[in-house]
Protein backbone atom coordinates (compact mmCIF):
# COMPACT_ATOMS: atom_id res chain seq x y z
CA UNK A 1 0.00 0.00 0.00
CA UNK A 2 1.35 3.41 -0.99
CA UNK A 3 1.98 6.23 1.46
CA UNK A 4 0.37 9.62 0.90
CA UNK A 5 2.26 12.92 0.97
CA UNK A 6 0.45 14.08 4.11
CA UNK A 7 1.69 11.08 6.06
CA UNK A 8 5.26 11.63 4.92
CA UNK A 9 5.10 15.27 5.96
CA UNK A 10 3.50 14.44 9.32
CA UNK A 11 6.14 11.83 10.20
CA UNK A 12 8.98 14.19 9.34
CA UNK A 13 7.46 17.06 11.32
CA UNK A 14 6.89 14.82 14.35
CA UNK A 15 10.57 13.82 14.40
CA UNK A 16 11.98 17.20 13.33
CA UNK A 17 9.50 19.76 14.76
CA UNK A 18 11.16 22.88 13.33
CA UNK A 19 11.29 21.45 9.80
CA UNK A 20 9.80 23.12 6.79
CA UNK A 21 8.72 20.25 4.56
CA UNK A 22 7.56 20.26 0.95
CA UNK A 23 6.52 17.03 -0.74
CA UNK A 24 5.92 16.45 -4.44
CA UNK A 25 4.36 13.31 -5.91
CA UNK A 26 6.64 12.85 -8.91
CA UNK A 27 4.50 10.43 -10.92
CA UNK A 28 1.06 10.92 -9.43
CA UNK A 29 1.11 7.30 -8.28
CA UNK A 30 1.60 7.83 -4.53
CA UNK A 31 4.79 5.79 -4.75
CA UNK A 32 7.50 8.17 -6.01
CA UNK A 33 8.03 11.39 -4.07
CA UNK A 34 10.50 14.24 -3.81
CA UNK A 35 10.92 15.93 -0.44
CA UNK A 36 12.72 19.11 0.51
CA UNK A 37 13.30 19.40 4.24
CA UNK A 38 14.79 22.50 5.86
CA UNK A 39 15.74 22.39 9.54
CA UNK A 40 18.13 24.13 11.92
CA UNK A 41 18.72 20.65 13.41
CA UNK A 42 20.75 19.83 10.28
CA UNK A 43 23.42 22.44 11.17
CA UNK A 44 26.85 20.88 11.55
CA UNK A 45 25.70 17.55 10.14
CA UNK A 46 26.85 15.98 6.90
CA UNK A 47 24.36 15.48 4.09
CA UNK A 48 24.34 11.75 4.89
CA UNK A 49 23.52 12.45 8.55
CA UNK A 50 20.74 14.84 7.52
CA UNK A 51 19.22 12.21 5.24
CA UNK A 52 19.52 9.58 7.96
CA UNK A 53 17.51 11.84 10.27
CA UNK A 54 14.72 12.03 7.70
CA UNK A 55 14.79 8.27 7.02
CA UNK A 56 14.60 7.61 10.77
CA UNK A 57 11.57 9.89 10.92
CA UNK A 58 9.86 7.65 8.36
CA UNK A 59 10.12 4.77 10.83
CA UNK A 60 11.21 2.01 8.48
CA UNK A 61 8.63 2.70 5.79
CA UNK A 62 11.24 3.32 3.06
CA UNK A 63 11.28 0.43 0.62
CA UNK A 64 7.89 -0.77 1.82
CA UNK A 65 5.00 1.67 1.95
CA UNK A 66 7.25 4.34 0.46
CA UNK A 67 8.96 3.06 -2.66
CA UNK A 68 11.08 6.06 -3.72
CA UNK A 69 11.98 9.36 -2.12
CA UNK A 70 14.27 11.91 -3.79
CA UNK A 71 15.49 13.79 -0.75
CA UNK A 72 16.97 17.28 -0.51
CA UNK A 73 17.91 18.68 2.89
CA UNK A 74 19.31 22.00 4.03
CA UNK A 75 19.58 24.41 6.95
CA UNK A 76 17.53 27.63 6.93
CA UNK A 77 20.60 29.70 6.03
CA UNK A 78 21.67 27.59 3.03
C-alpha atoms as a PDB file:
ATOM      1  CA  UNK A   1       0.000   0.000   0.000  1.00  0.00           C
ATOM      2  CA  UNK A   2       1.346   3.412  -0.991  1.00  0.00           C
ATOM      3  CA  UNK A   3       1.977   6.234   1.461  1.00  0.00           C
ATOM      4  CA  UNK A   4       0.368   9.624   0.897  1.00  0.00           C
ATOM      5  CA  UNK A   5       2.257  12.922   0.971  1.00  0.00           C
ATOM      6  CA  UNK A   6       0.453  14.084   4.106  1.00  0.00           C
ATOM      7  CA  UNK A   7       1.685  11.078   6.062  1.00  0.00           C
ATOM      8  CA  UNK A   8       5.263  11.632   4.916  1.00  0.00           C
ATOM      9  CA  UNK A   9       5.103  15.274   5.958  1.00  0.00           C
ATOM     10  CA  UNK A  10       3.503  14.438   9.322  1.00  0.00           C
ATOM     11  CA  UNK A  11       6.137  11.825  10.201  1.00  0.00           C
ATOM     12  CA  UNK A  12       8.983  14.188   9.336  1.00  0.00           C
ATOM     13  CA  UNK A  13       7.464  17.062  11.324  1.00  0.00           C
ATOM     14  CA  UNK A  14       6.893  14.821  14.347  1.00  0.00           C
ATOM     15  CA  UNK A  15      10.572  13.824  14.398  1.00  0.00           C
ATOM     16  CA  UNK A  16      11.977  17.203  13.330  1.00  0.00           C
ATOM     17  CA  UNK A  17       9.502  19.756  14.758  1.00  0.00           C
ATOM     18  CA  UNK A  18      11.163  22.880  13.335  1.00  0.00           C
ATOM     19  CA  UNK A  19      11.290  21.449   9.802  1.00  0.00           C
ATOM     20  CA  UNK A  20       9.804  23.120   6.787  1.00  0.00           C
ATOM     21  CA  UNK A  21       8.722  20.249   4.558  1.00  0.00           C
ATOM     22  CA  UNK A  22       7.562  20.263   0.954  1.00  0.00           C
ATOM     23  CA  UNK A  23       6.519  17.034  -0.736  1.00  0.00           C
ATOM     24  CA  UNK A  24       5.924  16.454  -4.439  1.00  0.00           C
ATOM     25  CA  UNK A  25       4.361  13.306  -5.906  1.00  0.00           C
ATOM     26  CA  UNK A  26       6.638  12.850  -8.906  1.00  0.00           C
ATOM     27  CA  UNK A  27       4.499  10.432 -10.924  1.00  0.00           C
ATOM     28  CA  UNK A  28       1.060  10.915  -9.427  1.00  0.00           C
ATOM     29  CA  UNK A  29       1.111   7.297  -8.279  1.00  0.00           C
ATOM     30  CA  UNK A  30       1.601   7.828  -4.532  1.00  0.00           C
ATOM     31  CA  UNK A  31       4.789   5.792  -4.746  1.00  0.00           C
ATOM     32  CA  UNK A  32       7.501   8.174  -6.009  1.00  0.00           C
ATOM     33  CA  UNK A  33       8.033  11.390  -4.073  1.00  0.00           C
ATOM     34  CA  UNK A  34      10.503  14.237  -3.815  1.00  0.00           C
ATOM     35  CA  UNK A  35      10.923  15.930  -0.443  1.00  0.00           C
ATOM     36  CA  UNK A  36      12.721  19.115   0.511  1.00  0.00           C
ATOM     37  CA  UNK A  37      13.302  19.396   4.243  1.00  0.00           C
ATOM     38  CA  UNK A  38      14.789  22.501   5.856  1.00  0.00           C
ATOM     39  CA  UNK A  39      15.741  22.395   9.544  1.00  0.00           C
ATOM     40  CA  UNK A  40      18.133  24.131  11.917  1.00  0.00           C
ATOM     41  CA  UNK A  41      18.723  20.655  13.414  1.00  0.00           C
ATOM     42  CA  UNK A  42      20.751  19.835  10.283  1.00  0.00           C
ATOM     43  CA  UNK A  43      23.417  22.442  11.168  1.00  0.00           C
ATOM     44  CA  UNK A  44      26.852  20.876  11.553  1.00  0.00           C
ATOM     45  CA  UNK A  45      25.701  17.546  10.143  1.00  0.00           C
ATOM     46  CA  UNK A  46      26.854  15.978   6.903  1.00  0.00           C
ATOM     47  CA  UNK A  47      24.365  15.477   4.090  1.00  0.00           C
ATOM     48  CA  UNK A  48      24.338  11.751   4.889  1.00  0.00           C
ATOM     49  CA  UNK A  49      23.521  12.452   8.551  1.00  0.00           C
ATOM     50  CA  UNK A  50      20.740  14.839   7.516  1.00  0.00           C
ATOM     51  CA  UNK A  51      19.219  12.213   5.237  1.00  0.00           C
ATOM     52  CA  UNK A  52      19.519   9.582   7.963  1.00  0.00           C
ATOM     53  CA  UNK A  53      17.507  11.838  10.274  1.00  0.00           C
ATOM     54  CA  UNK A  54      14.720  12.026   7.699  1.00  0.00           C
ATOM     55  CA  UNK A  55      14.792   8.274   7.017  1.00  0.00           C
ATOM     56  CA  UNK A  56      14.603   7.611  10.770  1.00  0.00           C
ATOM     57  CA  UNK A  57      11.569   9.894  10.918  1.00  0.00           C
ATOM     58  CA  UNK A  58       9.862   7.653   8.359  1.00  0.00           C
ATOM     59  CA  UNK A  59      10.117   4.768  10.829  1.00  0.00           C
ATOM     60  CA  UNK A  60      11.210   2.010   8.480  1.00  0.00           C
ATOM     61  CA  UNK A  61       8.632   2.703   5.787  1.00  0.00           C
ATOM     62  CA  UNK A  62      11.243   3.318   3.055  1.00  0.00           C
ATOM     63  CA  UNK A  63      11.284   0.427   0.621  1.00  0.00           C
ATOM     64  CA  UNK A  64       7.892  -0.773   1.822  1.00  0.00           C
ATOM     65  CA  UNK A  65       4.995   1.669   1.945  1.00  0.00           C
ATOM     66  CA  UNK A  66       7.247   4.337   0.459  1.00  0.00           C
ATOM     67  CA  UNK A  67       8.964   3.063  -2.658  1.00  0.00           C
ATOM     68  CA  UNK A  68      11.082   6.059  -3.722  1.00  0.00           C
ATOM     69  CA  UNK A  69      11.983   9.365  -2.118  1.00  0.00           C
ATOM     70  CA  UNK A  70      14.268  11.908  -3.789  1.00  0.00           C
ATOM     71  CA  UNK A  71      15.495  13.788  -0.755  1.00  0.00           C
ATOM     72  CA  UNK A  72      16.966  17.279  -0.512  1.00  0.00           C
ATOM     73  CA  UNK A  73      17.906  18.678   2.895  1.00  0.00           C
ATOM     74  CA  UNK A  74      19.310  22.004   4.034  1.00  0.00           C
ATOM     75  CA  UNK A  75      19.577  24.406   6.950  1.00  0.00           C
ATOM     76  CA  UNK A  76      17.533  27.626   6.930  1.00  0.00           C
ATOM     77  CA  UNK A  77      20.603  29.702   6.026  1.00  0.00           C
ATOM     78  CA  UNK A  78      21.669  27.585   3.035  1.00  0.00           C
END
